[in-house]
Protein backbone atom coordinates (compact mmCIF):
# COMPACT_ATOMS: atom_id res chain seq x y z
CA UNK A 1 -2.06 10.25 -26.02
CA UNK A 2 -0.79 7.96 -23.31
CA UNK A 3 -3.31 6.34 -21.00
CA UNK A 4 -2.94 7.16 -17.29
CA UNK A 5 0.28 5.97 -15.77
CA UNK A 6 -1.33 4.72 -12.57
CA UNK A 7 -3.89 1.97 -12.09
CA UNK A 8 -2.93 0.23 -15.32
CA UNK A 9 -5.44 -2.59 -15.10
CA UNK A 10 -9.08 -2.42 -14.05
CA UNK A 11 -8.46 -4.95 -11.32
CA UNK A 12 -5.25 -3.44 -10.01
CA UNK A 13 -5.09 -2.95 -6.25
CA UNK A 14 -5.37 0.79 -5.86
CA UNK A 15 -4.17 0.58 -2.27
CA UNK A 16 -0.72 -0.41 -3.40
CA UNK A 17 0.07 2.99 -4.85
CA UNK A 18 -1.91 6.24 -4.77
CA UNK A 19 -0.27 8.96 -6.86
CA UNK A 20 -2.23 12.17 -7.20
CA UNK A 21 -4.37 12.57 -10.28
CA UNK A 22 -3.90 16.32 -10.44
CA UNK A 23 -1.11 18.37 -11.95
CA UNK A 24 0.83 21.27 -10.45
CA UNK A 25 -1.92 23.74 -11.31
CA UNK A 26 -4.39 21.60 -9.41
CA UNK A 27 -2.12 21.68 -6.37
CA UNK A 28 -2.09 25.48 -6.49
CA UNK A 29 -5.86 25.68 -6.96
CA UNK A 30 -6.48 23.37 -4.00
CA UNK A 31 -4.04 25.29 -1.84
CA UNK A 32 -5.78 28.61 -2.67
CA UNK A 33 -9.20 27.16 -1.82
CA UNK A 34 -7.86 25.88 1.49
CA UNK A 35 -6.26 29.23 2.22
CA UNK A 36 -9.53 31.11 1.65
CA UNK A 37 -11.44 28.70 3.86
CA UNK A 38 -8.97 29.01 6.73
CA UNK A 39 -9.15 32.83 6.61
CA UNK A 40 -12.94 32.83 6.72
CA UNK A 41 -13.24 30.32 9.56
CA UNK A 42 -10.04 30.93 11.56
CA UNK A 43 -8.99 34.59 11.13
CA UNK A 44 -6.35 34.34 13.88
CA UNK A 45 -4.62 31.55 12.03
CA UNK A 46 -4.29 33.19 8.60
CA UNK A 47 -0.64 34.21 8.97
CA UNK A 48 0.44 30.62 9.58
CA UNK A 49 -1.64 29.37 6.66
CA UNK A 50 -0.20 32.02 4.35
CA UNK A 51 3.30 30.90 5.30
CA UNK A 52 2.49 27.30 4.34
CA UNK A 53 0.96 28.41 1.05
CA UNK A 54 4.03 30.51 0.20
CA UNK A 55 6.35 27.60 0.92
CA UNK A 56 4.27 25.36 -1.36
CA UNK A 57 4.57 27.81 -4.25
CA UNK A 58 8.33 28.04 -3.81
CA UNK A 59 8.62 24.26 -3.76
CA UNK A 60 6.56 23.73 -6.92
CA UNK A 61 8.21 26.38 -9.06
CA UNK A 62 11.76 25.54 -8.04
CA UNK A 63 11.19 21.87 -8.85
CA UNK A 64 9.96 22.83 -12.31
CA UNK A 65 12.48 25.54 -13.12
CA UNK A 66 13.13 25.78 -16.88
CA UNK A 67 16.82 26.52 -16.40
CA UNK A 68 19.63 23.97 -16.64
CA UNK A 69 21.29 23.26 -13.35
CA UNK A 70 24.73 22.33 -12.14
CA UNK A 71 25.94 19.46 -10.02
CA UNK A 72 28.66 20.22 -7.52
CA UNK A 73 30.18 16.76 -7.21
CA UNK A 74 32.48 15.08 -9.73
CA UNK A 75 31.02 12.36 -11.95
CA UNK A 76 31.13 8.88 -10.47
CA UNK A 77 32.58 5.94 -12.43
CA UNK A 78 30.08 4.54 -14.91
CA UNK A 79 29.51 0.86 -15.72
CA UNK A 80 30.66 -0.28 -19.14
CA UNK A 81 28.34 -3.23 -19.63
CA UNK A 82 26.34 -3.06 -21.78
CA UNK A 83 28.15 -0.60 -24.06
CA UNK A 84 28.27 2.99 -22.92
CA UNK A 85 29.03 5.07 -25.98
CA UNK A 86 30.20 8.62 -26.59
CA UNK A 87 26.68 10.03 -26.82
CA UNK A 88 26.47 10.24 -23.04
CA UNK A 89 29.68 12.26 -22.92
CA UNK A 90 27.87 14.92 -24.97
CA UNK A 91 25.00 15.05 -22.50
CA UNK A 92 26.95 15.72 -19.30
CA UNK A 93 30.12 17.79 -19.78
CA UNK A 94 32.42 19.09 -17.03
CA UNK A 95 33.17 22.79 -17.30
CA UNK A 96 36.04 24.80 -15.86
CA UNK A 97 34.82 24.67 -12.29
CA UNK A 98 34.69 20.87 -12.31
CA UNK A 99 30.92 20.83 -12.17
CA UNK A 100 28.64 19.13 -14.68
CA UNK A 101 26.34 21.12 -16.92
CA UNK A 102 23.29 19.81 -18.74
CA UNK A 103 22.51 21.03 -22.26
CA UNK A 104 19.01 19.57 -21.84
CA UNK A 105 16.90 21.84 -19.64
CA UNK A 106 13.82 20.76 -17.72
CA UNK A 107 11.74 21.27 -20.84
CA UNK A 108 13.64 18.34 -22.38
CA UNK A 109 13.42 16.26 -19.19
CA UNK A 110 10.06 17.44 -17.87
CA UNK A 111 9.62 14.47 -15.54
CA UNK A 112 13.14 14.57 -14.13
CA UNK A 113 16.31 12.51 -14.45
CA UNK A 114 17.39 8.94 -13.80
CA UNK A 115 20.36 7.80 -11.76
CA UNK A 116 21.69 4.37 -12.74
CA UNK A 117 23.35 2.43 -9.93
CA UNK A 118 26.81 1.04 -10.65
CA UNK A 119 26.17 -2.47 -9.35
CA UNK A 120 28.91 -5.02 -8.71
CA UNK A 121 29.32 -7.08 -11.88
CA UNK A 122 28.01 -10.24 -10.22
CA UNK A 123 24.51 -8.74 -10.47
CA UNK A 124 24.59 -8.25 -14.26
CA UNK A 125 27.73 -8.66 -16.36
CA UNK A 126 28.92 -11.89 -14.76
CA UNK A 127 25.56 -13.57 -15.40
CA UNK A 128 26.00 -13.56 -19.16
CA UNK A 129 26.44 -16.88 -20.92
CA UNK A 130 29.38 -16.10 -23.19
CA UNK A 131 29.77 -19.54 -24.75
CA UNK A 132 27.07 -18.75 -27.34
CA UNK A 133 26.29 -15.41 -28.95
CA UNK A 134 23.33 -16.37 -31.13
CA UNK A 135 19.86 -17.79 -30.59
CA UNK A 136 19.71 -21.47 -29.69
CA UNK A 137 16.35 -23.29 -29.20
CA UNK A 138 17.96 -25.52 -26.56
CA UNK A 139 19.63 -22.75 -24.54
CA UNK A 140 17.37 -19.82 -23.69
CA UNK A 141 20.33 -17.67 -22.50
CA UNK A 142 22.09 -17.66 -25.89
CA UNK A 143 22.32 -14.25 -27.51
CA UNK A 144 20.90 -12.42 -24.49
CA UNK A 145 23.75 -9.92 -24.19
CA UNK A 146 24.98 -9.98 -27.80
CA UNK A 147 25.09 -6.54 -29.38
CA UNK A 148 23.79 -4.80 -26.23
CA UNK A 149 20.82 -7.18 -26.03
CA UNK A 150 19.67 -6.73 -29.63
CA UNK A 151 21.36 -9.90 -30.91
CA UNK A 152 23.06 -10.67 -34.19
CA UNK A 153 21.90 -9.24 -37.50
CA UNK A 154 19.12 -11.28 -39.12
CA UNK A 155 20.78 -11.97 -42.45
CA UNK A 156 18.16 -14.56 -43.46
CA UNK A 157 15.57 -11.82 -44.04
CA UNK A 158 17.59 -10.13 -46.79
CA UNK A 159 15.93 -12.35 -49.39
CA UNK A 160 12.35 -11.37 -48.53
CA UNK A 161 12.68 -7.69 -47.57
CA UNK A 162 13.36 -4.93 -50.10
CA UNK A 163 16.36 -2.60 -50.20
CA UNK A 164 18.13 -2.07 -46.91
CA UNK A 165 15.15 -2.85 -44.67
CA UNK A 166 16.72 -6.10 -43.51
CA UNK A 167 19.45 -4.00 -41.81
CA UNK A 168 16.93 -3.11 -39.10
CA UNK A 169 16.27 -6.74 -38.22
CA UNK A 170 18.11 -8.73 -35.54
CA UNK A 171 17.97 -12.18 -33.99
CA UNK A 172 16.76 -10.85 -30.64
CA UNK A 173 16.19 -13.06 -27.62
CA UNK A 174 12.69 -12.50 -26.21
CA UNK A 175 14.12 -12.33 -22.66
CA UNK A 176 16.64 -9.55 -23.39
CA UNK A 177 14.68 -6.51 -22.16
CA UNK A 178 16.74 -6.17 -18.96
CA UNK A 179 19.90 -5.84 -21.09
CA UNK A 180 18.32 -3.47 -23.62
CA UNK A 181 16.94 -1.18 -20.90
CA UNK A 182 20.32 -1.12 -19.15
CA UNK A 183 22.09 -0.16 -22.39
CA UNK A 184 19.60 2.54 -23.29
CA UNK A 185 19.59 4.03 -19.78
CA UNK A 186 23.39 4.24 -19.70
CA UNK A 187 23.08 6.54 -22.70
CA UNK A 188 19.74 8.17 -21.89
CA UNK A 189 19.54 11.93 -22.48
CA UNK A 190 17.86 12.44 -19.09
CA UNK A 191 20.32 10.36 -17.12
CA UNK A 192 22.27 12.03 -14.34
CA UNK A 193 25.43 10.87 -12.61
CA UNK A 194 24.54 12.95 -9.55
CA UNK A 195 22.01 11.11 -7.34
CA UNK A 196 21.03 14.35 -5.58
CA UNK A 197 19.45 15.60 -8.80
CA UNK A 198 17.67 12.34 -9.67
CA UNK A 199 13.91 11.85 -9.71
CA UNK A 200 14.21 8.06 -9.94
CA UNK A 201 16.87 5.41 -9.44
CA UNK A 202 17.44 2.44 -11.75
CA UNK A 203 18.73 -0.90 -10.45
CA UNK A 204 20.43 -2.72 -13.40
CA UNK A 205 20.02 -6.20 -11.90
CA UNK A 206 19.59 -9.00 -14.46
CA UNK A 207 17.00 -10.80 -12.37
CA UNK A 208 15.77 -12.90 -15.27
CA UNK A 209 19.20 -14.32 -15.95
CA UNK A 210 19.83 -14.83 -12.23
CA UNK A 211 16.75 -17.01 -11.73
CA UNK A 212 16.63 -18.54 -15.20
CA UNK A 213 19.61 -20.82 -14.80
CA UNK A 214 17.89 -22.58 -11.86
CA UNK A 215 14.25 -22.67 -13.03
CA UNK A 216 14.48 -26.23 -14.36
CA UNK A 217 16.57 -27.64 -11.50
CA UNK A 218 15.83 -28.72 -7.95
CA UNK A 219 18.25 -26.12 -6.57
CA UNK A 220 15.41 -23.95 -5.28
CA UNK A 221 17.53 -22.09 -2.74
CA UNK A 222 19.88 -20.93 -5.53
CA UNK A 223 17.01 -19.13 -7.26
CA UNK A 224 16.92 -16.64 -4.38
CA UNK A 225 20.63 -16.42 -3.65
CA UNK A 226 21.60 -13.51 -5.87
CA UNK A 227 18.36 -11.55 -5.50
CA UNK A 228 18.73 -11.68 -1.71
CA UNK A 229 22.27 -10.32 -2.01
CA UNK A 230 21.02 -7.58 -4.33
CA UNK A 231 18.39 -6.46 -1.83
CA UNK A 232 20.99 -6.31 0.95
CA UNK A 233 23.23 -4.23 -1.30
CA UNK A 234 20.56 -1.74 -2.31
CA UNK A 235 19.26 -1.32 1.25
CA UNK A 236 22.66 0.03 2.23
CA UNK A 237 22.39 2.83 -0.32
CA UNK A 238 21.62 6.30 0.99
CA UNK A 239 18.98 7.06 -1.64
CA UNK A 240 17.05 3.85 -1.05
CA UNK A 241 16.47 4.79 2.57
CA UNK A 242 14.67 8.06 1.80
CA UNK A 243 11.51 6.47 0.34
CA UNK A 244 12.14 2.76 0.98
CA UNK A 245 12.45 2.07 -2.73
CA UNK A 246 9.38 4.00 -3.85
CA UNK A 247 11.46 5.99 -6.36
CA UNK A 248 13.43 2.93 -7.54
CA UNK A 249 12.73 0.74 -10.56
CA UNK A 250 14.24 -2.16 -12.50
CA UNK A 251 13.56 -4.44 -15.47
CA UNK A 252 12.70 -8.14 -15.26
CA UNK A 253 13.59 -9.95 -18.45
CA UNK A 254 11.08 -12.72 -17.75
CA UNK A 255 7.37 -12.84 -16.80
CA UNK A 256 6.38 -11.80 -13.29
CA UNK A 257 5.42 -15.37 -12.32
CA UNK A 258 9.08 -16.40 -12.48
CA UNK A 259 9.66 -14.23 -9.40
CA UNK A 260 6.64 -15.09 -7.25
CA UNK A 261 7.25 -18.57 -5.87
CA UNK A 262 4.47 -19.79 -3.62
CA UNK A 263 4.82 -21.94 -0.51
CA UNK A 264 2.60 -24.71 -1.85
CA UNK A 265 4.82 -27.75 -2.69
CA UNK A 266 2.95 -28.04 -5.98
CA UNK A 267 3.87 -24.45 -6.86
CA UNK A 268 7.60 -24.29 -6.38
CA UNK A 269 8.31 -22.50 -9.66
CA UNK A 270 10.51 -19.41 -9.70
CA UNK A 271 12.11 -17.29 -7.03
CA UNK A 272 10.57 -15.25 -4.19
CA UNK A 273 12.11 -11.96 -5.38
CA UNK A 274 8.81 -10.07 -5.78
CA UNK A 275 7.38 -11.57 -2.60
CA UNK A 276 10.08 -9.95 -0.48
CA UNK A 277 8.90 -6.97 1.61
CA UNK A 278 11.78 -4.85 0.28
CA UNK A 279 10.26 -5.07 -3.21
CA UNK A 280 6.83 -3.84 -2.13
CA UNK A 281 7.43 -0.28 -3.31
CA UNK A 282 9.75 -0.88 -6.27
CA UNK A 283 8.40 -0.42 -9.80
CA UNK A 284 9.42 -3.15 -12.25
CA UNK A 285 9.11 -3.48 -15.99
CA UNK A 286 8.17 -7.02 -17.00
CA UNK A 287 6.95 -8.67 -20.19
CA UNK A 288 3.91 -9.99 -18.30
CA UNK A 289 2.54 -8.47 -15.11
CA UNK A 290 0.38 -9.65 -12.23
CA UNK A 291 -3.06 -8.04 -12.67
CA UNK A 292 -3.41 -7.07 -9.01
CA UNK A 293 0.05 -5.47 -8.58
CA UNK A 294 0.21 -1.82 -9.64
CA UNK A 295 4.00 -1.88 -9.34
CA UNK A 296 4.26 -4.35 -12.23
CA UNK A 297 4.37 -2.50 -15.57
CA UNK A 298 4.06 -4.66 -18.68
CA UNK A 299 6.41 -3.64 -21.48
CA UNK A 300 6.42 -5.12 -25.00
CA UNK A 301 8.43 -8.26 -25.65
CA UNK A 302 11.53 -7.40 -27.69
CA UNK A 303 10.95 -8.30 -31.33
CA UNK A 304 13.61 -8.52 -34.04
CA UNK A 305 12.84 -5.07 -35.50
CA UNK A 306 15.09 -2.28 -34.20
CA UNK A 307 15.08 0.74 -36.54
CA UNK A 308 18.20 2.88 -36.71
CA UNK A 309 16.41 6.08 -37.76
CA UNK A 310 13.00 7.63 -38.20
CA UNK A 311 13.42 7.26 -41.96
CA UNK A 312 14.03 3.51 -41.61
CA UNK A 313 11.02 3.22 -39.32
CA UNK A 314 8.76 5.03 -41.83
CA UNK A 315 10.04 2.86 -44.67
CA UNK A 316 9.09 -0.25 -42.74
CA UNK A 317 5.66 1.12 -41.84
CA UNK A 318 4.92 1.89 -45.50
CA UNK A 319 6.17 -1.54 -46.53
CA UNK A 320 3.99 -3.36 -43.97
CA UNK A 321 0.96 -1.22 -44.83
CA UNK A 322 1.15 -1.80 -48.58
CA UNK A 323 2.22 -5.46 -48.61
CA UNK A 324 0.01 -7.71 -50.77
CA UNK A 325 -1.63 -10.13 -48.32
CA UNK A 326 -2.93 -13.36 -49.84
CA UNK A 327 -4.11 -15.25 -46.73
CA UNK A 328 -7.03 -14.36 -44.48
CA UNK A 329 -5.26 -15.42 -41.31
CA UNK A 330 -2.23 -17.27 -39.95
CA UNK A 331 -1.33 -19.26 -36.86
CA UNK A 332 2.26 -19.56 -35.66
CA UNK A 333 2.89 -21.85 -32.73
CA UNK A 334 3.26 -25.40 -31.51
CA UNK A 335 0.70 -27.83 -30.14
CA UNK A 336 1.11 -28.89 -26.53
CA UNK A 337 0.08 -32.52 -26.28
CA UNK A 338 0.97 -32.61 -22.58
CA UNK A 339 -1.79 -30.09 -21.77
CA UNK A 340 -5.41 -31.27 -21.63
CA UNK A 341 -7.70 -29.40 -24.04
CA UNK A 342 -4.75 -27.39 -25.32
CA UNK A 343 -6.22 -24.48 -27.29
CA UNK A 344 -3.17 -24.14 -29.51
CA UNK A 345 -3.60 -27.74 -30.66
CA UNK A 346 -7.18 -26.90 -31.59
CA UNK A 347 -6.09 -23.86 -33.58
CA UNK A 348 -3.39 -25.86 -35.34
CA UNK A 349 -5.91 -28.50 -36.45
CA UNK A 350 -8.45 -25.85 -37.43
CA UNK A 351 -5.97 -23.96 -39.60
CA UNK A 352 -4.84 -27.10 -41.38
CA UNK A 353 -8.48 -27.88 -42.17
CA UNK A 354 -8.94 -24.33 -43.49
CA UNK A 355 -5.80 -24.28 -45.61
CA UNK A 356 -7.47 -22.13 -48.27
CA UNK A 357 -7.73 -19.29 -45.71
CA UNK A 358 -5.13 -20.01 -43.03
CA UNK A 359 -1.35 -20.21 -43.26
CA UNK A 360 0.27 -22.41 -40.58
CA UNK A 361 3.80 -22.23 -39.20
CA UNK A 362 4.34 -25.24 -36.92
CA UNK A 363 7.06 -24.35 -34.42
CA UNK A 364 7.53 -28.06 -33.66
CA UNK A 365 8.91 -28.36 -37.20
CA UNK A 366 10.34 -24.90 -37.93
CA UNK A 367 12.62 -23.41 -35.21
CA UNK A 368 10.55 -20.32 -34.44
CA UNK A 369 12.84 -19.18 -31.62
CA UNK A 370 15.63 -18.69 -34.18
CA UNK A 371 13.83 -15.88 -35.98
CA UNK A 372 12.91 -17.97 -39.01
CA UNK A 373 12.08 -16.14 -42.22
CA UNK A 374 9.02 -18.41 -42.48
CA UNK A 375 7.46 -16.48 -39.59
CA UNK A 376 7.96 -13.16 -41.32
CA UNK A 377 6.54 -14.47 -44.59
CA UNK A 378 3.42 -15.81 -42.85
CA UNK A 379 2.76 -12.61 -40.94
CA UNK A 380 3.33 -10.30 -43.90
CA UNK A 381 1.06 -12.35 -46.16
CA UNK A 382 -1.91 -12.56 -43.72
CA UNK A 383 -4.62 -10.05 -42.85
CA UNK A 384 -5.04 -11.51 -39.35
CA UNK A 385 -2.85 -13.50 -36.96
CA UNK A 386 -4.30 -15.78 -34.26
CA UNK A 387 -2.93 -15.01 -30.79
CA UNK A 388 -3.98 -17.52 -28.12
CA UNK A 389 -2.23 -17.39 -24.77
CA UNK A 390 1.19 -19.03 -24.69
CA UNK A 391 2.69 -21.02 -21.82
CA UNK A 392 1.49 -18.02 -19.82
CA UNK A 393 -1.16 -15.47 -20.79
CA UNK A 394 1.15 -13.46 -23.06
CA UNK A 395 3.45 -14.29 -25.96
CA UNK A 396 6.05 -12.49 -28.04
CA UNK A 397 4.18 -13.43 -31.22
CA UNK A 398 1.63 -10.66 -30.47
CA UNK A 399 4.30 -8.05 -31.17
CA UNK A 400 5.87 -9.95 -34.08
CA UNK A 401 2.39 -9.97 -35.59
CA UNK A 402 1.75 -6.25 -35.14
CA UNK A 403 5.20 -5.19 -36.34
CA UNK A 404 4.43 -7.06 -39.57
CA UNK A 405 1.17 -5.11 -39.94
CA UNK A 406 -1.09 -8.10 -39.34
CA UNK A 407 -4.21 -7.60 -37.21
CA UNK A 408 -4.06 -9.68 -33.98
CA UNK A 409 -6.94 -11.95 -33.01
CA UNK A 410 -7.14 -12.48 -29.24
CA UNK A 411 -8.95 -15.13 -27.22
CA UNK A 412 -8.00 -13.90 -23.72
CA UNK A 413 -8.23 -10.24 -22.74
CA UNK A 414 -5.22 -10.47 -20.45
CA UNK A 415 -3.03 -11.49 -23.39
CA UNK A 416 -2.85 -7.82 -24.36
CA UNK A 417 -5.77 -5.56 -23.42
CA UNK A 418 -5.11 -5.44 -19.67
CA UNK A 419 -1.35 -5.87 -20.02
CA UNK A 420 0.14 -3.19 -22.24
CA UNK A 421 -2.09 -0.13 -21.76
CA UNK A 422 0.82 2.31 -21.94
CA UNK A 423 1.69 1.10 -25.43
CA UNK A 424 -1.39 -0.19 -27.27
CA UNK A 425 -4.33 1.89 -28.59
CA UNK A 426 -7.11 2.58 -26.10
CA UNK A 427 -9.84 1.07 -28.30
CA UNK A 428 -9.19 -2.70 -28.68
CA UNK A 429 -11.69 -2.96 -31.52
CA UNK A 430 -9.76 -0.41 -33.52
CA UNK A 431 -6.71 -2.61 -34.00
CA UNK A 432 -7.72 -6.19 -33.07
CA UNK A 433 -10.45 -8.84 -32.98
CA UNK A 434 -11.61 -10.69 -29.87
CA UNK A 435 -13.19 -14.16 -30.07
CA UNK A 436 -14.52 -16.10 -27.09
CA UNK A 437 -12.41 -19.28 -26.77
CA UNK A 438 -15.32 -21.27 -25.35
CA UNK A 439 -17.39 -20.48 -28.42
CA UNK A 440 -14.56 -21.85 -30.55
CA UNK A 441 -14.28 -24.97 -28.40
CA UNK A 442 -18.00 -25.80 -28.48
CA UNK A 443 -18.33 -25.03 -32.17
CA UNK A 444 -20.76 -22.10 -31.88
CA UNK A 445 -18.22 -19.69 -33.42
CA UNK A 446 -16.24 -20.06 -36.64
CA UNK A 447 -12.97 -18.13 -36.70
CA UNK A 448 -13.00 -18.02 -40.50
CA UNK A 449 -16.58 -16.73 -40.70
CA UNK A 450 -15.95 -14.06 -38.08
CA UNK A 451 -12.84 -12.77 -39.86
CA UNK A 452 -14.50 -12.88 -43.28
CA UNK A 453 -17.33 -10.74 -41.92
CA UNK A 454 -15.00 -7.72 -41.79
CA UNK A 455 -15.12 -5.63 -44.95
CA UNK A 456 -11.95 -4.70 -46.83
CA UNK A 457 -12.34 -1.13 -45.61
CA UNK A 458 -12.61 -2.29 -41.97
CA UNK A 459 -9.53 -4.49 -42.31
CA UNK A 460 -7.62 -1.62 -43.92
CA UNK A 461 -8.49 0.75 -41.07
CA UNK A 462 -7.44 -1.82 -38.44
CA UNK A 463 -4.17 -2.42 -40.27
CA UNK A 464 -3.51 1.32 -40.39
CA UNK A 465 -3.99 1.51 -36.62
CA UNK A 466 -1.66 -1.47 -36.10
CA UNK A 467 1.03 0.09 -38.30
CA UNK A 468 0.59 3.44 -36.58
CA UNK A 469 1.31 1.68 -33.26
CA UNK A 470 4.61 0.10 -34.38
CA UNK A 471 6.91 2.85 -32.97
CA UNK A 472 5.38 2.37 -29.50
CA UNK A 473 6.06 -1.38 -29.36
CA UNK A 474 9.63 -1.60 -30.68
CA UNK A 475 13.05 -0.78 -29.20
CA UNK A 476 15.11 1.46 -31.47
CA UNK A 477 18.75 0.59 -32.07
CA UNK A 478 20.43 3.99 -31.50
CA UNK A 479 21.48 4.50 -27.90
CA UNK A 480 19.66 7.83 -27.89
CA UNK A 481 16.46 6.50 -29.45
CA UNK A 482 14.75 8.10 -32.45
CA UNK A 483 14.60 11.70 -31.29
CA UNK A 484 11.08 13.11 -31.59
CA UNK A 485 9.53 9.66 -32.21
CA UNK A 486 9.11 7.80 -28.93
CA UNK A 487 9.66 4.06 -28.88
CA UNK A 488 8.70 1.54 -26.20
CA UNK A 489 11.73 2.44 -24.08
CA UNK A 490 10.95 6.18 -24.10
CA UNK A 491 7.31 5.58 -23.19
CA UNK A 492 8.20 3.24 -20.33
CA UNK A 493 10.87 5.48 -18.80
CA UNK A 494 8.82 8.67 -19.06
CA UNK A 495 5.86 6.85 -17.56
CA UNK A 496 7.82 5.77 -14.50
CA UNK A 497 9.47 9.17 -14.09
CA UNK A 498 6.10 10.89 -14.20
CA UNK A 499 4.66 8.47 -11.66
CA UNK A 500 7.57 8.91 -9.26
CA UNK A 501 7.55 12.69 -9.68
CA UNK A 502 3.81 12.86 -8.96
CA UNK A 503 4.20 10.68 -5.89
CA UNK A 504 7.08 12.74 -4.54
CA UNK A 505 5.12 15.96 -4.99
CA UNK A 506 2.11 14.40 -3.33
CA UNK A 507 4.20 13.36 -0.32
CA UNK A 508 5.72 16.81 -0.07
CA UNK A 509 2.28 18.40 -0.26
CA UNK A 510 0.94 16.09 2.46
CA UNK A 511 3.99 16.73 4.65
CA UNK A 512 3.49 20.47 4.35
CA UNK A 513 -0.15 20.23 5.41
CA UNK A 514 0.10 17.57 8.09
């Protein structure tokens, strides 16, 4: 079961967003209680109260009607980047009257439908770096838009994976989520091309690519140029004005800190996109969120595993679960000599000294960003994988580790526990190990001894929980997803739709009783 969609982190600012915690039945129950009270205390006012109550019932049941509905305006032109395939044509079909009918009723789209803005190409398509279509450790943009964001096929894994399992693996750029979400939403079963019928509105702005090309330059003003133009564009849209962006959302392909530039001269990193007042109400998916901002929703980093079918997914899960693991733990990363007391450097040295138990992949020697087969070998052969914070608190390796069926070992709670609550199991101890980094630094805790203290049965149960979680942390390759099995995309979109729907109903309820 999904954790609550609101208040993702314990320290989130609840004043930023207050969706109701009750469902439609709760609304009715509360309305009935209020009705009875008004009759008993204000008998002359009961007719007016009954009228309000009746209107509320009409509103609730018409919004949740189980019948398909029609749209009385012709379909608007749809963007063709990333690829929009024929699947969407099967979802919305014009009939004789020129209207659009939906084969999926409200039971299939219980939280409503998404309208995807057709942005000018300068906000997405034109940002793509087309001079390279594969991963390049020296150019972070390479491969971002290849194959609808999934990247080229990972042919180097064919030698270590059985059968056709390597077909599900790609050389995926870790910053490609804004492209993948755009592609999947263009072909989403609950997408509508009629904004009047939409619950939420998606802005396919490639903010990560827009800011990324200027992050390592002194052209600070250019980091804000395109995002400022985007905000001016969206503010002119009719459906933005209704709720000031409260029912709008987008995807940031980079961590939230790349869009929160501070005024301090020593902190001139990133753009000011998320600091702008127009973004105060907008929900955004990001691979690392700010703990105090309830509008930031952390989604899993894209890994290289993108199953084409449920069968392929199950084959991989069985393979990862039954793989013969010969190492106790592994560490994949690079030391940072330019950082004082760098914890990764400590782990690297520790693992090399414990070579009988730890398998090391040094990313300063092996190009980890290129999807090296050495990474997959290390993860598959190890019971545990060490996951310190990266250059920020999170790192893609957490998800590479779990997809391979290795149990993650965390040293900072915000690396995963307070980041990805919509996707990871509720009980951290059921799928991971936490070790205090200070205890490692001062020598009062031994990583090897702690991990060896887990029995084989305990390790097996944790691995089973990790493998069970794989569908929730990967992005399936088919444009329509995996059907009844929900992947990270499905969970994220349904979560936002539910949140927006609850908020809209809450506002309508308040308006009726104000």
